[in-house]
């Protein structure tokens, strides 16, 4: 489920993607909590020359289009006031879907047993993209099973993680 908002024009200095995501999280998390939802993940990406700010939300019974509209309207106004972007962007608020992103350290424990794909900044046996079954996290080390063997990956080296086929009932 997605709800797109018109392009928003901002002026002033651009922010690095990481800094922008951090700022978006600080603004969006209280709004989501106030509406009984969880902020799952934030992405700022370039799609065919257009910038898109993606905000993924969820709640116990799942989100619907009305939830996405509600959050999008509130965040759109907040972002217009508080973010200093130097170009237009699209704001997209949606449910995380079956390829749900994982970004919080606590999620790596909460969702143990699920099939995931990790993207790391350092090579593990020549690979930076690793698929396997998530075992959990301990002392900053994410453990996954790849082809029957345990692989240990430092959390700080993971720049992206997604479920391969998440279903709400898997919790």
Protein backbone atom coordinates (compact mmCIF):
# COMPACT_ATOMS: atom_id res chain seq x y z
CA UNK A 1 0.00 0.00 0.00
CA UNK A 2 1.46 3.34 -0.99
CA UNK A 3 0.34 6.93 -0.83
CA UNK A 4 2.27 9.49 -2.83
CA UNK A 5 2.26 13.21 -2.21
CA UNK A 6 2.91 15.99 -4.70
CA UNK A 7 6.51 17.07 -5.23
CA UNK A 8 7.80 19.36 -2.52
CA UNK A 9 10.34 22.07 -3.28
CA UNK A 10 12.97 22.95 -0.69
CA UNK A 11 15.86 25.38 -0.72
CA UNK A 12 19.25 25.67 0.99
CA UNK A 13 22.08 23.24 1.62
CA UNK A 14 21.70 19.55 0.83
CA UNK A 15 22.17 16.94 3.49
CA UNK A 16 24.03 13.70 3.16
CA UNK A 17 21.69 10.72 2.96
CA UNK A 18 22.64 9.40 6.40
CA UNK A 19 22.19 12.79 8.05
CA UNK A 20 18.86 13.27 6.31
CA UNK A 21 17.60 9.83 7.37
CA UNK A 22 18.60 10.56 10.97
CA UNK A 23 16.76 13.90 10.89
CA UNK A 24 13.67 12.29 9.29
CA UNK A 25 13.61 9.62 12.01
CA UNK A 26 13.78 12.26 14.75
CA UNK A 27 10.81 14.08 13.20
CA UNK A 28 8.73 11.06 12.13
CA UNK A 29 9.03 8.73 15.12
CA UNK A 30 7.00 10.86 17.57
CA UNK A 31 4.26 11.34 14.95
CA UNK A 32 4.04 7.60 14.30
CA UNK A 33 3.98 6.78 18.02
CA UNK A 34 1.24 9.37 18.65
CA UNK A 35 -0.88 7.68 15.96
CA UNK A 36 -0.29 4.18 17.37
CA UNK A 37 2.17 3.15 14.67
CA UNK A 38 5.80 2.15 14.45
CA UNK A 39 8.34 3.82 12.20
CA UNK A 40 10.03 0.87 10.49
CA UNK A 41 12.55 2.41 8.12
CA UNK A 42 13.50 5.55 6.17
CA UNK A 43 15.16 5.69 2.74
CA UNK A 44 16.17 8.62 0.56
CA UNK A 45 16.78 7.44 -2.96
CA UNK A 46 17.23 8.64 -6.51
CA UNK A 47 14.73 7.06 -8.92
CA UNK A 48 15.20 8.03 -12.56
CA UNK A 49 16.55 11.44 -11.60
CA UNK A 50 13.80 12.11 -9.06
CA UNK A 51 14.50 12.10 -5.32
CA UNK A 52 12.11 10.03 -3.20
CA UNK A 53 11.90 10.04 0.57
CA UNK A 54 10.37 6.70 1.61
CA UNK A 55 8.94 6.26 5.09
CA UNK A 56 7.81 2.75 6.06
CA UNK A 57 5.26 2.41 8.87
CA UNK A 58 3.45 -0.49 10.54
CA UNK A 59 1.13 -1.33 13.40
CA UNK A 60 -0.06 -4.51 15.09
CA UNK A 61 -3.07 -5.07 12.81
CA UNK A 62 -1.24 -3.78 9.72
CA UNK A 63 -1.51 -0.41 8.01
CA UNK A 64 -4.07 0.63 5.44
CA UNK A 65 -4.25 3.48 2.94
CA UNK A 66 -5.91 5.79 5.49
CA UNK A 67 -2.97 5.29 7.87
CA UNK A 68 -0.53 6.16 5.09
CA UNK A 69 -2.51 9.29 4.17
CA UNK A 70 -2.70 10.40 7.82
CA UNK A 71 1.04 10.02 8.42
CA UNK A 72 1.96 11.46 5.02
CA UNK A 73 0.00 14.66 5.61
CA UNK A 74 1.51 15.20 9.04
CA UNK A 75 5.05 14.39 7.95
CA UNK A 76 4.78 16.45 4.77
CA UNK A 77 4.09 19.56 6.80
CA UNK A 78 6.80 18.77 9.35
CA UNK A 79 9.37 18.08 6.65
CA UNK A 80 8.50 21.26 4.74
CA UNK A 81 9.24 23.29 7.87
CA UNK A 82 12.22 21.37 9.28
CA UNK A 83 14.19 19.78 6.42
CA UNK A 84 16.57 21.87 4.37
CA UNK A 85 16.64 20.07 1.04
CA UNK A 86 18.05 21.79 -2.01
CA UNK A 87 15.74 20.16 -4.54
CA UNK A 88 12.25 18.74 -5.05
CA UNK A 89 11.42 15.31 -3.72
CA UNK A 90 8.52 12.89 -3.54
CA UNK A 91 7.33 11.77 -0.13
CA UNK A 92 6.14 8.16 -0.08
CA UNK A 93 4.61 6.61 3.05
CA UNK A 94 3.86 2.89 2.86
CA UNK A 95 3.65 -0.40 4.67
CA UNK A 96 6.91 -2.34 4.65
CA UNK A 97 5.48 -5.27 2.66
CA UNK A 98 7.01 -8.74 2.24
CA UNK A 99 10.50 -7.30 1.59
CA UNK A 100 10.29 -5.43 4.90
CA UNK A 101 13.50 -3.53 5.69
CA UNK A 102 15.27 -4.22 8.97
CA UNK A 103 17.26 -1.34 10.41
CA UNK A 104 16.94 -1.36 14.20
CA UNK A 105 19.36 -3.47 16.19
CA UNK A 106 16.45 -4.84 18.26
CA UNK A 107 14.73 -6.12 15.08
CA UNK A 108 17.63 -8.48 14.43
CA UNK A 109 16.64 -10.34 17.62
CA UNK A 110 12.88 -9.87 17.30
CA UNK A 111 12.73 -11.45 13.83
CA UNK A 112 15.11 -14.38 14.36
CA UNK A 113 14.17 -17.38 12.23
CA UNK A 114 13.24 -15.38 9.13
CA UNK A 115 14.99 -15.50 5.77
CA UNK A 116 16.86 -12.23 5.10
CA UNK A 117 19.30 -10.54 2.74
CA UNK A 118 22.04 -8.38 4.28
CA UNK A 119 24.16 -5.77 2.51
CA UNK A 120 27.48 -5.10 4.21
CA UNK A 121 30.28 -2.61 3.73
CA UNK A 122 32.94 -5.27 4.27
CA UNK A 123 33.35 -8.47 2.34
CA UNK A 124 32.50 -11.82 3.90
CA UNK A 125 34.10 -14.65 1.89
CA UNK A 126 34.16 -12.28 -1.09
CA UNK A 127 30.50 -11.32 -0.75
CA UNK A 128 28.89 -8.07 0.36
CA UNK A 129 25.34 -9.37 -0.24
CA UNK A 130 24.53 -12.26 2.07
CA UNK A 131 21.31 -14.33 2.11
CA UNK A 132 20.42 -16.65 4.96
CA UNK A 133 18.29 -17.37 8.01
CA UNK A 134 18.56 -14.78 10.77
CA UNK A 135 19.59 -16.29 14.11
CA UNK A 136 19.69 -13.03 16.06
CA UNK A 137 22.17 -10.51 17.41
CA UNK A 138 24.49 -10.61 20.38
CA UNK A 139 26.99 -7.98 21.50
CA UNK A 140 26.73 -6.11 18.20
CA UNK A 141 27.25 -9.21 16.05
CA UNK A 142 24.45 -10.38 13.73
CA UNK A 143 24.34 -14.15 13.29
CA UNK A 144 22.82 -15.76 10.20
CA UNK A 145 22.89 -19.27 8.78
CA UNK A 146 24.16 -19.42 5.19
CA UNK A 147 24.21 -22.83 3.48
CA UNK A 148 24.14 -24.58 6.86
CA UNK A 149 27.00 -22.56 8.36
CA UNK A 150 26.84 -19.72 10.87
CA UNK A 151 28.12 -16.37 9.60
CA UNK A 152 28.86 -13.56 12.06
CA UNK A 153 28.59 -9.97 10.79
CA UNK A 154 29.27 -6.84 12.85
CA UNK A 155 26.08 -4.75 13.04
CA UNK A 156 27.92 -1.51 12.22
CA UNK A 157 29.00 -2.92 8.82
CA UNK A 158 25.40 -3.60 7.73
CA UNK A 159 24.03 -0.78 5.60
CA UNK A 160 20.91 -2.60 4.47
CA UNK A 161 18.82 -5.62 5.41
CA UNK A 162 15.49 -6.93 4.14
CA UNK A 163 13.32 -9.95 4.66
CA UNK A 164 13.13 -12.22 1.65
CA UNK A 165 9.42 -12.96 2.17
CA UNK A 166 8.04 -11.62 5.43
CA UNK A 167 4.47 -12.37 6.50
CA UNK A 168 2.83 -10.63 9.47
CA UNK A 169 1.94 -14.02 10.95
CA UNK A 170 5.66 -14.90 11.17
CA UNK A 171 6.03 -12.80 14.33
